[in-house]
Amino acid sequence: YLILILTPYTNLMSFVHLHNHSHYSLLDGLSKVDEMVDKAKKLGMPAIALTDHGNMYGAIEFYKLCKKKDIKPIIGVEAYIANRSRFDKQPGVDNERYHLILLAKNNEGYQNLIKLVTASNLEGYYYKPRMDKELLRKYSRGLVCLSGCLGGEFSKAIWNLDYDKAEKIALEYQEIFGKENYFIEIQSHPKLERFNEITEWQIS
């Protein structure tokens, strides 16, 4: 699906979707990669991102199709971030995880995405392929980070009315990726519980 977000890639003359799931996001995405790219082209979008859940299975197909349609491909992933360390796998504790959008802005970022996703599967897998902040610090170069959906660590702090914690979370991610590479993600899902309340705080 396509989600409306305010991002560093948008301006007054164009709009780019940076949080999109294809059929490679099992039980969540329905869009085929070719259909997604065709839709972006039809709408006149200069670029589009692919951010499947925990994987980059569609990255090569996506890249080739975008190039063929003269659209800038932005390769990314919706990462699962471990509640503690990626090595912690305690039942009832470490099954909780957070969502985070990571986007490659250059080849170094793409290589780091590959390393992050690989480690999340080989080292962090517990229900889902999980990264942690140690990994993010190690492979942060060349990446743009968005705070994620309502399942993100930042949004969950707001959900719990812990605004001080939300601020600390945002500052930590700014420190990891750099102020110029971390952005609060704004979506449009007004029918979701407390969506408007959380969104109003995010943009305030």
N, C-alpha and C. Protein backbone atom coordinates (compact mmCIF):
# COMPACT_ATOMS: atom_id res chain seq x y z
N TYR A 1 0.83 -1.18 0.00
CA TYR A 1 0.00 0.00 0.00
C TYR A 1 0.87 1.23 0.00
N LEU A 2 0.28 2.36 -0.31
CA LEU A 2 1.02 3.61 -0.33
C LEU A 2 0.62 4.44 0.87
N ILE A 3 1.59 4.99 1.56
CA ILE A 3 1.35 5.75 2.76
C ILE A 3 1.82 7.19 2.56
N LEU A 4 1.03 8.13 3.00
CA LEU A 4 1.40 9.54 2.86
C LEU A 4 2.35 9.92 3.99
N ILE A 5 3.52 10.43 3.65
CA ILE A 5 4.45 10.85 4.67
C ILE A 5 5.16 12.12 4.24
N LEU A 6 5.60 12.91 5.21
CA LEU A 6 6.40 14.08 4.93
C LEU A 6 7.85 13.67 5.06
N THR A 7 8.64 13.91 4.04
CA THR A 7 10.00 13.38 4.03
C THR A 7 10.95 14.37 3.38
N PRO A 8 12.26 14.09 3.48
CA PRO A 8 13.23 14.99 2.86
C PRO A 8 13.18 14.94 1.34
N TYR A 9 12.50 13.94 0.77
CA TYR A 9 12.46 13.79 -0.67
C TYR A 9 11.28 14.53 -1.29
N THR A 10 10.44 15.16 -0.47
CA THR A 10 9.28 15.84 -1.02
C THR A 10 9.54 17.34 -1.15
N ASN A 11 8.86 17.98 -2.08
CA ASN A 11 8.91 19.42 -2.19
C ASN A 11 7.59 19.89 -2.77
N LEU A 12 7.49 21.18 -3.04
CA LEU A 12 6.22 21.73 -3.49
C LEU A 12 5.84 21.25 -4.88
N MET A 13 6.80 20.78 -5.66
CA MET A 13 6.53 20.40 -7.04
C MET A 13 6.35 18.91 -7.24
N SER A 14 6.68 18.08 -6.24
CA SER A 14 6.61 16.64 -6.42
C SER A 14 6.28 15.96 -5.10
N PHE A 15 5.88 14.71 -5.21
CA PHE A 15 5.58 13.93 -4.01
C PHE A 15 6.10 12.52 -4.21
N VAL A 16 6.72 11.98 -3.19
CA VAL A 16 7.33 10.65 -3.27
C VAL A 16 6.89 9.82 -2.07
N HIS A 17 6.41 8.60 -2.33
CA HIS A 17 6.07 7.67 -1.25
C HIS A 17 7.33 6.95 -0.79
N LEU A 18 7.61 7.01 0.50
CA LEU A 18 8.83 6.41 1.04
C LEU A 18 8.56 5.24 1.98
N HIS A 19 7.32 4.81 2.08
CA HIS A 19 6.98 3.68 2.95
C HIS A 19 5.97 2.82 2.19
N ASN A 20 6.48 1.81 1.51
CA ASN A 20 5.64 0.97 0.65
C ASN A 20 5.96 -0.50 0.85
N HIS A 21 4.90 -1.32 0.91
CA HIS A 21 5.08 -2.77 1.02
C HIS A 21 4.57 -3.45 -0.24
N SER A 22 5.36 -4.39 -0.72
CA SER A 22 4.95 -5.20 -1.86
C SER A 22 4.47 -6.56 -1.37
N HIS A 23 4.23 -7.48 -2.30
CA HIS A 23 3.80 -8.82 -1.93
C HIS A 23 4.91 -9.60 -1.22
N TYR A 24 6.11 -9.01 -1.16
CA TYR A 24 7.18 -9.65 -0.39
C TYR A 24 7.04 -9.40 1.11
N SER A 25 6.10 -8.56 1.50
CA SER A 25 5.75 -8.38 2.92
C SER A 25 4.56 -9.27 3.21
N LEU A 26 4.84 -10.49 3.61
CA LEU A 26 3.79 -11.49 3.79
C LEU A 26 2.75 -11.06 4.81
N LEU A 27 1.49 -11.27 4.47
CA LEU A 27 0.33 -10.95 5.32
C LEU A 27 0.16 -9.45 5.54
N ASP A 28 0.88 -8.63 4.76
CA ASP A 28 0.75 -7.19 4.94
C ASP A 28 0.66 -6.45 3.61
N GLY A 29 1.52 -6.79 2.65
CA GLY A 29 1.51 -6.11 1.36
C GLY A 29 0.78 -6.90 0.29
N LEU A 30 0.10 -6.19 -0.60
CA LEU A 30 -0.62 -6.82 -1.72
C LEU A 30 -0.05 -6.41 -3.07
N SER A 31 0.58 -5.27 -3.13
CA SER A 31 1.03 -4.71 -4.41
C SER A 31 2.15 -5.54 -5.01
N LYS A 32 2.05 -5.83 -6.30
CA LYS A 32 3.16 -6.41 -7.03
C LYS A 32 4.13 -5.27 -7.36
N VAL A 33 5.41 -5.59 -7.41
CA VAL A 33 6.42 -4.56 -7.62
C VAL A 33 6.20 -3.83 -8.95
N ASP A 34 5.92 -4.56 -10.01
CA ASP A 34 5.73 -3.91 -11.31
C ASP A 34 4.51 -2.99 -11.31
N GLU A 35 3.44 -3.41 -10.63
CA GLU A 35 2.24 -2.58 -10.55
C GLU A 35 2.50 -1.30 -9.74
N MET A 36 3.31 -1.42 -8.70
CA MET A 36 3.65 -0.26 -7.88
C MET A 36 4.44 0.76 -8.68
N VAL A 37 5.41 0.29 -9.44
CA VAL A 37 6.23 1.18 -10.26
C VAL A 37 5.39 1.82 -11.36
N ASP A 38 4.52 1.03 -11.99
CA ASP A 38 3.64 1.56 -13.04
C ASP A 38 2.73 2.65 -12.48
N LYS A 39 2.23 2.46 -11.27
CA LYS A 39 1.36 3.45 -10.65
C LYS A 39 2.11 4.75 -10.37
N ALA A 40 3.33 4.62 -9.88
CA ALA A 40 4.15 5.81 -9.62
C ALA A 40 4.40 6.57 -10.90
N LYS A 41 4.67 5.86 -11.99
CA LYS A 41 4.91 6.50 -13.28
C LYS A 41 3.66 7.21 -13.77
N LYS A 42 2.52 6.57 -13.62
CA LYS A 42 1.25 7.14 -14.06
C LYS A 42 0.94 8.43 -13.30
N LEU A 43 1.29 8.47 -12.03
CA LEU A 43 1.02 9.65 -11.20
C LEU A 43 2.09 10.73 -11.35
N GLY A 44 3.10 10.45 -12.15
CA GLY A 44 4.12 11.45 -12.39
C GLY A 44 5.12 11.61 -11.26
N MET A 45 5.29 10.58 -10.45
CA MET A 45 6.24 10.65 -9.34
C MET A 45 7.67 10.47 -9.86
N PRO A 46 8.59 11.29 -9.40
CA PRO A 46 9.98 11.18 -9.86
C PRO A 46 10.74 10.03 -9.23
N ALA A 47 10.23 9.52 -8.11
CA ALA A 47 10.92 8.46 -7.39
C ALA A 47 9.90 7.70 -6.55
N ILE A 48 10.31 6.52 -6.07
CA ILE A 48 9.47 5.75 -5.17
C ILE A 48 10.37 4.81 -4.38
N ALA A 49 9.97 4.50 -3.15
CA ALA A 49 10.75 3.60 -2.30
C ALA A 49 10.04 2.26 -2.14
N LEU A 50 10.84 1.23 -1.90
CA LEU A 50 10.32 -0.09 -1.55
C LEU A 50 10.87 -0.43 -0.18
N THR A 51 9.98 -0.64 0.79
CA THR A 51 10.38 -0.89 2.18
C THR A 51 9.61 -2.08 2.73
N ASP A 52 9.95 -3.27 2.27
CA ASP A 52 9.26 -4.45 2.76
C ASP A 52 9.68 -4.79 4.18
N HIS A 53 8.83 -5.55 4.85
CA HIS A 53 9.07 -5.91 6.24
C HIS A 53 10.24 -6.88 6.39
N GLY A 54 11.35 -6.38 6.93
CA GLY A 54 12.46 -7.25 7.32
C GLY A 54 13.22 -7.89 6.19
N ASN A 55 12.94 -7.52 4.93
CA ASN A 55 13.63 -8.17 3.82
C ASN A 55 13.81 -7.22 2.65
N MET A 56 14.70 -7.65 1.73
CA MET A 56 14.96 -6.88 0.51
C MET A 56 14.80 -7.79 -0.71
N TYR A 57 13.88 -8.73 -0.63
CA TYR A 57 13.71 -9.71 -1.70
C TYR A 57 13.40 -9.07 -3.05
N GLY A 58 12.68 -7.95 -3.01
CA GLY A 58 12.26 -7.32 -4.26
C GLY A 58 13.19 -6.25 -4.77
N ALA A 59 14.34 -6.04 -4.12
CA ALA A 59 15.18 -4.89 -4.41
C ALA A 59 15.68 -4.85 -5.86
N ILE A 60 16.19 -5.96 -6.35
CA ILE A 60 16.77 -5.98 -7.70
C ILE A 60 15.68 -5.79 -8.76
N GLU A 61 14.58 -6.53 -8.60
CA GLU A 61 13.44 -6.38 -9.52
C GLU A 61 12.94 -4.94 -9.52
N PHE A 62 12.79 -4.38 -8.34
CA PHE A 62 12.33 -3.01 -8.16
C PHE A 62 13.28 -2.02 -8.85
N TYR A 63 14.57 -2.19 -8.64
CA TYR A 63 15.56 -1.28 -9.21
C TYR A 63 15.50 -1.29 -10.73
N LYS A 64 15.46 -2.48 -11.30
CA LYS A 64 15.44 -2.60 -12.76
C LYS A 64 14.18 -2.01 -13.37
N LEU A 65 13.03 -2.25 -12.74
CA LEU A 65 11.77 -1.72 -13.26
C LEU A 65 11.73 -0.20 -13.18
N CYS A 66 12.24 0.36 -12.06
CA CYS A 66 12.27 1.81 -11.92
C CYS A 66 13.16 2.45 -12.98
N LYS A 67 14.32 1.86 -13.20
CA LYS A 67 15.24 2.40 -14.21
C LYS A 67 14.61 2.36 -15.60
N LYS A 68 13.88 1.29 -15.87
CA LYS A 68 13.22 1.14 -17.16
C LYS A 68 12.15 2.21 -17.37
N LYS A 69 11.51 2.62 -16.26
CA LYS A 69 10.44 3.62 -16.35
C LYS A 69 10.96 5.04 -16.09
N ASP A 70 12.27 5.19 -15.94
CA ASP A 70 12.88 6.49 -15.69
C ASP A 70 12.39 7.09 -14.37
N ILE A 71 12.30 6.24 -13.34
CA ILE A 71 11.93 6.66 -11.99
C ILE A 71 13.09 6.34 -11.07
N LYS A 72 13.40 7.24 -10.15
CA LYS A 72 14.48 6.99 -9.21
C LYS A 72 14.06 5.92 -8.19
N PRO A 73 14.77 4.79 -8.12
CA PRO A 73 14.44 3.77 -7.12
C PRO A 73 15.11 4.08 -5.79
N ILE A 74 14.34 4.06 -4.72
CA ILE A 74 14.88 4.24 -3.37
C ILE A 74 14.70 2.91 -2.64
N ILE A 75 15.81 2.23 -2.41
CA ILE A 75 15.76 0.90 -1.82
C ILE A 75 15.84 1.03 -0.30
N GLY A 76 14.91 0.36 0.37
CA GLY A 76 14.88 0.44 1.82
C GLY A 76 14.31 -0.81 2.44
N VAL A 77 14.01 -0.71 3.72
CA VAL A 77 13.44 -1.83 4.45
C VAL A 77 12.68 -1.27 5.66
N GLU A 78 11.58 -1.91 6.01
CA GLU A 78 10.96 -1.61 7.30
C GLU A 78 11.54 -2.61 8.29
N ALA A 79 12.47 -2.13 9.09
CA ALA A 79 13.22 -3.00 9.98
C ALA A 79 12.43 -3.28 11.26
N TYR A 80 12.73 -4.44 11.83
CA TYR A 80 12.25 -4.77 13.17
C TYR A 80 13.41 -4.51 14.13
N ILE A 81 13.18 -3.66 15.11
CA ILE A 81 14.22 -3.31 16.07
C ILE A 81 13.94 -4.01 17.40
N ALA A 82 14.92 -4.77 17.86
CA ALA A 82 14.76 -5.55 19.10
C ALA A 82 14.51 -4.63 20.29
N ASN A 83 13.68 -5.10 21.20
CA ASN A 83 13.38 -4.36 22.42
C ASN A 83 14.63 -4.19 23.27
N ARG A 84 15.49 -5.22 23.25
CA ARG A 84 16.77 -5.15 23.95
C ARG A 84 17.88 -5.42 22.91
N SER A 85 18.75 -6.37 23.18
CA SER A 85 19.75 -6.76 22.20
C SER A 85 19.16 -7.75 21.21
N ARG A 86 19.71 -7.79 20.01
CA ARG A 86 19.26 -8.76 19.02
C ARG A 86 19.56 -10.19 19.45
N PHE A 87 20.48 -10.33 20.41
CA PHE A 87 20.84 -11.66 20.89
C PHE A 87 19.92 -12.14 22.01
N ASP A 88 19.13 -11.24 22.59
CA ASP A 88 18.19 -11.60 23.66
C ASP A 88 16.96 -12.23 23.06
N LYS A 89 16.59 -13.42 23.54
CA LYS A 89 15.46 -14.15 22.98
C LYS A 89 14.67 -14.83 24.09
N GLN A 90 14.26 -14.01 25.05
CA GLN A 90 13.51 -14.50 26.21
C GLN A 90 12.02 -14.45 25.93
N PRO A 91 11.32 -15.58 26.06
CA PRO A 91 9.86 -15.59 25.82
C PRO A 91 9.13 -14.58 26.69
N GLY A 92 8.16 -13.91 26.10
CA GLY A 92 7.35 -12.95 26.85
C GLY A 92 8.00 -11.60 27.02
N VAL A 93 9.25 -11.47 26.61
CA VAL A 93 9.98 -10.21 26.75
C VAL A 93 10.48 -9.74 25.38
N ASP A 94 11.19 -10.60 24.70
CA ASP A 94 11.85 -10.20 23.46
C ASP A 94 11.02 -10.45 22.21
N ASN A 95 9.78 -10.88 22.39
CA ASN A 95 8.87 -10.95 21.25
C ASN A 95 8.31 -9.57 20.93
N GLU A 96 8.56 -8.59 21.80
CA GLU A 96 8.19 -7.19 21.52
C GLU A 96 9.29 -6.55 20.70
N ARG A 97 8.92 -5.83 19.67
CA ARG A 97 9.89 -5.19 18.79
C ARG A 97 9.27 -3.93 18.20
N TYR A 98 10.11 -3.10 17.62
CA TYR A 98 9.66 -1.83 17.06
C TYR A 98 9.92 -1.78 15.56
N HIS A 99 9.14 -0.98 14.85
CA HIS A 99 9.32 -0.80 13.42
C HIS A 99 10.13 0.47 13.16
N LEU A 100 10.95 0.43 12.12
CA LEU A 100 11.78 1.57 11.75
C LEU A 100 12.04 1.52 10.25
N ILE A 101 11.89 2.64 9.57
CA ILE A 101 12.15 2.69 8.13
C ILE A 101 13.59 3.13 7.87
N LEU A 102 14.30 2.35 7.07
CA LEU A 102 15.67 2.67 6.66
C LEU A 102 15.72 2.76 5.14
N LEU A 103 16.31 3.84 4.63
CA LEU A 103 16.39 4.08 3.19
C LEU A 103 17.84 4.31 2.78
N ALA A 104 18.25 3.65 1.71
CA ALA A 104 19.61 3.85 1.20
C ALA A 104 19.65 5.10 0.34
N LYS A 105 20.56 6.01 0.64
CA LYS A 105 20.67 7.22 -0.19
C LYS A 105 21.86 7.16 -1.13
N ASN A 106 22.68 6.13 -1.02
CA ASN A 106 23.81 5.94 -1.94
C ASN A 106 24.24 4.47 -1.88
N ASN A 107 25.30 4.13 -2.60
CA ASN A 107 25.74 2.74 -2.65
C ASN A 107 26.22 2.25 -1.28
N GLU A 108 26.87 3.12 -0.53
CA GLU A 108 27.31 2.73 0.81
C GLU A 108 26.10 2.37 1.68
N GLY A 109 25.04 3.16 1.57
CA GLY A 109 23.83 2.87 2.32
C GLY A 109 23.21 1.55 1.90
N TYR A 110 23.23 1.27 0.60
CA TYR A 110 22.70 -0.01 0.10
C TYR A 110 23.50 -1.18 0.67
N GLN A 111 24.82 -1.06 0.65
CA GLN A 111 25.66 -2.13 1.21
C GLN A 111 25.40 -2.31 2.70
N ASN A 112 25.18 -1.21 3.41
CA ASN A 112 24.90 -1.30 4.84
C ASN A 112 23.52 -1.91 5.11
N LEU A 113 22.56 -1.61 4.24
CA LEU A 113 21.25 -2.25 4.37
C LEU A 113 21.37 -3.77 4.25
N ILE A 114 22.16 -4.21 3.29
CA ILE A 114 22.37 -5.64 3.11
C ILE A 114 22.98 -6.26 4.37
N LYS A 115 23.96 -5.59 4.94
CA LYS A 115 24.61 -6.10 6.16
C LYS A 115 23.63 -6.14 7.33
N LEU A 116 22.81 -5.11 7.45
CA LEU A 116 21.83 -5.06 8.55
C LEU A 116 20.79 -6.16 8.42
N VAL A 117 20.24 -6.33 7.22
CA VAL A 117 19.21 -7.34 7.01
C VAL A 117 19.79 -8.75 7.20
N THR A 118 21.02 -8.95 6.73
CA THR A 118 21.67 -10.25 6.91
C THR A 118 21.85 -10.57 8.38
N ALA A 119 22.39 -9.62 9.15
CA ALA A 119 22.60 -9.84 10.58
C ALA A 119 21.28 -10.03 11.32
N SER A 120 20.24 -9.33 10.88
CA SER A 120 18.94 -9.47 11.56
C SER A 120 18.40 -10.88 11.42
N ASN A 121 18.71 -11.54 10.31
CA ASN A 121 18.27 -12.91 10.09
C ASN A 121 19.19 -13.93 10.75
N LEU A 122 20.49 -13.73 10.63
CA LEU A 122 21.44 -14.72 11.14
C LEU A 122 21.66 -14.62 12.65
N GLU A 123 21.56 -13.41 13.20
CA GLU A 123 21.85 -13.21 14.62
C GLU A 123 20.62 -12.83 15.44
N GLY A 124 19.71 -12.07 14.85
CA GLY A 124 18.62 -11.50 15.63
C GLY A 124 17.28 -12.16 15.48
N TYR A 125 17.20 -13.22 14.68
CA TYR A 125 15.87 -13.78 14.39
C TYR A 125 15.22 -14.35 15.65
N TYR A 126 14.06 -13.80 15.98
CA TYR A 126 13.21 -14.30 17.07
C TYR A 126 11.79 -13.88 16.73
N TYR A 127 11.02 -14.75 16.15
CA TYR A 127 9.72 -14.46 15.55
C TYR A 127 9.87 -13.66 14.25
N LYS A 128 10.70 -12.63 14.30
CA LYS A 128 10.98 -11.79 13.14
C LYS A 128 12.49 -11.54 13.06
N PRO A 129 13.01 -11.16 11.89
CA PRO A 129 14.43 -10.80 11.79
C PRO A 129 14.68 -9.44 12.42
N ARG A 130 15.40 -9.40 13.53
CA ARG A 130 15.52 -8.18 14.32
C ARG A 130 16.93 -7.59 14.28
N MET A 131 16.97 -6.29 14.16
CA MET A 131 18.21 -5.53 14.34
C MET A 131 18.20 -4.95 15.75
N ASP A 132 19.30 -4.33 16.14
CA ASP A 132 19.32 -3.56 17.38
C ASP A 132 20.15 -2.30 17.16
N LYS A 133 20.21 -1.46 18.17
CA LYS A 133 20.88 -0.17 17.99
C LYS A 133 22.39 -0.31 17.86
N GLU A 134 22.94 -1.39 18.39
CA GLU A 134 24.37 -1.64 18.18
C GLU A 134 24.66 -1.81 16.69
N LEU A 135 23.83 -2.60 16.02
CA LEU A 135 23.98 -2.78 14.57
C LEU A 135 23.75 -1.49 13.81
N LEU A 136 22.72 -0.74 14.21
CA LEU A 136 22.42 0.51 13.53
C LEU A 136 23.59 1.49 13.62
N ARG A 137 24.23 1.55 14.78
CA ARG A 137 25.38 2.43 14.94
C ARG A 137 26.55 1.99 14.04
N LYS A 138 26.70 0.69 13.89
CA LYS A 138 27.81 0.15 13.10
C LYS A 138 27.62 0.39 11.62
N TYR A 139 26.36 0.33 11.16
CA TYR A 139 26.08 0.41 9.72
C TYR A 139 25.13 1.55 9.37
N SER A 140 25.30 2.70 9.99
CA SER A 140 24.38 3.82 9.79
C SER A 140 24.73 4.69 8.59
N ARG A 141 25.95 4.61 8.11
CA ARG A 141 26.39 5.51 7.06
C ARG A 141 25.63 5.27 5.76
N GLY A 142 25.26 6.36 5.11
CA GLY A 142 24.56 6.26 3.84
C GLY A 142 23.08 5.94 3.96
N LEU A 143 22.54 6.04 5.15
CA LEU A 143 21.13 5.70 5.37
C LEU A 143 20.33 6.90 5.86
N VAL A 144 19.09 6.96 5.42
CA VAL A 144 18.10 7.89 5.97
C VAL A 144 17.15 7.06 6.82
N CYS A 145 16.82 7.56 7.99
CA CYS A 145 15.95 6.84 8.93
C CYS A 145 14.66 7.62 9.15
N LEU A 146 13.53 6.94 9.03
CA LEU A 146 12.22 7.51 9.38
C LEU A 146 11.72 6.83 10.64
N SER A 147 11.03 7.56 11.48
CA SER A 147 10.64 7.06 12.80
C SER A 147 9.69 5.88 12.77
N GLY A 148 9.05 5.64 11.63
CA GLY A 148 8.19 4.46 11.51
C GLY A 148 6.72 4.75 11.77
N CYS A 149 5.94 3.70 11.66
CA CYS A 149 4.48 3.77 11.82
C CYS A 149 4.11 3.79 13.30
N LEU A 150 2.86 3.50 13.60
CA LEU A 150 2.42 3.44 15.00
C LEU A 150 3.11 2.32 15.77
N GLY A 151 3.77 1.41 15.03
CA GLY A 151 4.54 0.35 15.68
C GLY A 151 5.97 0.75 15.96
N GLY A 152 6.32 2.00 15.67
CA GLY A 152 7.67 2.49 15.92
C GLY A 152 7.89 2.83 17.38
N GLU A 153 9.13 2.82 17.80
CA GLU A 153 9.48 3.12 19.19
C GLU A 153 9.05 4.53 19.57
N PHE A 154 9.23 5.47 18.67
CA PHE A 154 8.85 6.86 18.90
C PHE A 154 7.34 6.99 19.09
N SER A 155 6.57 6.39 18.16
CA SER A 155 5.11 6.50 18.23
C SER A 155 4.54 5.79 19.46
N LYS A 156 5.15 4.68 19.84
CA LYS A 156 4.65 3.96 21.02
C LYS A 156 4.85 4.76 22.29
N ALA A 157 5.94 5.52 22.35
CA ALA A 157 6.15 6.38 23.52
C ALA A 157 5.05 7.45 23.58
N ILE A 158 4.69 8.01 22.43
CA ILE A 158 3.61 8.99 22.39
C ILE A 158 2.29 8.32 22.77
N TRP A 159 2.06 7.12 22.27
CA TRP A 159 0.84 6.36 22.60
C TRP A 159 0.69 6.22 24.11
N ASN A 160 1.82 6.02 24.80
CA ASN A 160 1.82 5.85 26.25
C ASN A 160 1.90 7.19 26.99
N LEU A 161 1.77 8.29 26.24
CA LEU A 161 1.79 9.65 26.79
C LEU A 161 3.11 9.97 27.48
N ASP A 162 4.18 9.29 27.10
CA ASP A 162 5.50 9.54 27.67
C ASP A 162 6.28 10.40 26.69
N TYR A 163 6.00 11.70 26.72
CA TYR A 163 6.58 12.61 25.75
C TYR A 163 8.07 12.84 25.98
N ASP A 164 8.51 12.78 27.22
CA ASP A 164 9.94 12.90 27.50
C ASP A 164 10.70 11.74 26.88
N LYS A 165 10.13 10.54 26.99
CA LYS A 165 10.78 9.37 26.39
C LYS A 165 10.80 9.49 24.88
N ALA A 166 9.71 9.97 24.29
CA ALA A 166 9.65 10.15 22.84
C ALA A 166 10.75 11.09 22.37
N GLU A 167 10.95 12.17 23.11
CA GLU A 167 12.00 13.12 22.74
C GLU A 167 13.38 12.48 22.84
N LYS A 168 13.61 11.69 23.90
CA LYS A 168 14.89 11.02 24.06
C LYS A 168 15.14 10.02 22.93
N ILE A 169 14.08 9.31 22.51
CA ILE A 169 14.20 8.35 21.41
C ILE A 169 14.59 9.06 20.13
N ALA A 170 13.91 10.18 19.84
CA ALA A 170 14.21 10.94 18.63
C ALA A 170 15.65 11.45 18.65
N LEU A 171 16.10 11.94 19.79
CA LEU A 171 17.47 12.45 19.90
C LEU A 171 18.49 11.34 19.74
N GLU A 172 18.16 10.15 20.25
CA GLU A 172 19.09 9.02 20.10
C GLU A 172 19.24 8.62 18.64
N TYR A 173 18.13 8.56 17.91
CA TYR A 173 18.21 8.22 16.49
C TYR A 173 18.89 9.32 15.68
N GLN A 174 18.71 10.57 16.09
CA GLN A 174 19.44 11.65 15.46
C GLN A 174 20.95 11.47 15.66
N GLU A 175 21.31 11.04 16.85
CA GLU A 175 22.73 10.82 17.15
C GLU A 175 23.30 9.67 16.33
N ILE A 176 22.49 8.62 16.11
CA ILE A 176 22.94 7.45 15.36
C ILE A 176 23.11 7.77 13.88
N PHE A 177 22.12 8.43 13.30
CA PHE A 177 22.11 8.65 11.85
C PHE A 177 22.54 10.06 11.43
N GLY A 178 22.56 10.98 12.36
CA GLY A 178 22.83 12.37 12.04
C GLY A 178 21.53 13.14 11.91
N LYS A 179 21.51 14.38 12.35
CA LYS A 179 20.29 15.18 12.32
C LYS A 179 19.71 15.30 10.92
N GLU A 180 20.59 15.33 9.92
CA GLU A 180 20.14 15.50 8.54
C GLU A 180 19.57 14.21 7.95
N ASN A 181 19.65 13.11 8.68
CA ASN A 181 19.21 11.82 8.15
C ASN A 181 18.12 11.14 8.98
N TYR A 182 17.54 11.86 9.94
CA TYR A 182 16.47 11.28 10.75
C TYR A 182 15.24 12.18 10.67
N PHE A 183 14.09 11.56 10.38
CA PHE A 183 12.86 12.31 10.20
C PHE A 183 11.69 11.61 10.88
N ILE A 184 10.77 12.41 11.40
CA ILE A 184 9.53 11.88 11.99
C ILE A 184 8.58 11.56 10.85
N GLU A 185 8.08 10.35 10.83
CA GLU A 185 7.20 9.89 9.76
C GLU A 185 5.75 10.26 10.07
N ILE A 186 5.10 10.89 9.11
CA ILE A 186 3.70 11.26 9.25
C ILE A 186 2.89 10.48 8.23
N GLN A 187 1.91 9.71 8.69
CA GLN A 187 1.08 8.90 7.82
C GLN A 187 -0.35 9.43 7.82
N SER A 188 -1.18 8.83 7.00
CA SER A 188 -2.60 9.21 6.96
C SER A 188 -3.46 7.97 7.13
N HIS A 189 -3.78 7.66 8.38
CA HIS A 189 -4.67 6.55 8.71
C HIS A 189 -5.68 7.02 9.76
N PRO A 190 -6.55 7.97 9.41
CA PRO A 190 -7.42 8.62 10.40
C PRO A 190 -8.40 7.69 11.09
N LYS A 191 -8.64 6.50 10.55
CA LYS A 191 -9.59 5.58 11.18
C LYS A 191 -8.95 4.72 12.28
N LEU A 192 -7.63 4.76 12.38
CA LEU A 192 -6.96 3.99 13.41
C LEU A 192 -7.14 4.66 14.77
N GLU A 193 -7.21 3.85 15.81
CA GLU A 193 -7.41 4.36 17.16
C GLU A 193 -6.31 5.36 17.54
N ARG A 194 -6.72 6.54 18.00
CA ARG A 194 -5.84 7.60 18.51
C ARG A 194 -4.87 8.14 17.45
N PHE A 195 -5.15 7.85 16.19
CA PHE A 195 -4.24 8.28 15.14
C PHE A 195 -4.08 9.80 15.12
N ASN A 196 -5.21 10.52 15.12
CA ASN A 196 -5.16 11.98 15.03
C ASN A 196 -4.41 12.59 16.21
N GLU A 197 -4.63 12.04 17.40
CA GLU A 197 -3.94 12.55 18.59
C GLU A 197 -2.42 12.41 18.44
N ILE A 198 -1.98 11.26 18.01
CA ILE A 198 -0.55 11.00 17.90
C ILE A 198 0.07 11.85 16.79
N THR A 199 -0.64 11.95 15.67
CA THR A 199 -0.12 12.73 14.54
C THR A 199 -0.01 14.20 14.89
N GLU A 200 -0.98 14.74 15.61
CA GLU A 200 -0.93 16.14 16.00
C GLU A 200 0.28 16.42 16.88
N TRP A 201 0.62 15.48 17.76
CA TRP A 201 1.79 15.69 18.61
C TRP A 201 3.06 15.61 17.78
N GLN A 202 3.10 14.68 16.81
CA GLN A 202 4.30 14.50 16.00
C GLN A 202 4.64 15.75 15.20
N ILE A 203 3.62 16.46 14.72
CA ILE A 203 3.90 17.63 13.87
C ILE A 203 3.94 18.94 14.67
N SER A 204 3.72 18.84 15.97
CA SER A 204 3.72 20.07 16.78
C SER A 204 5.14 20.49 17.16
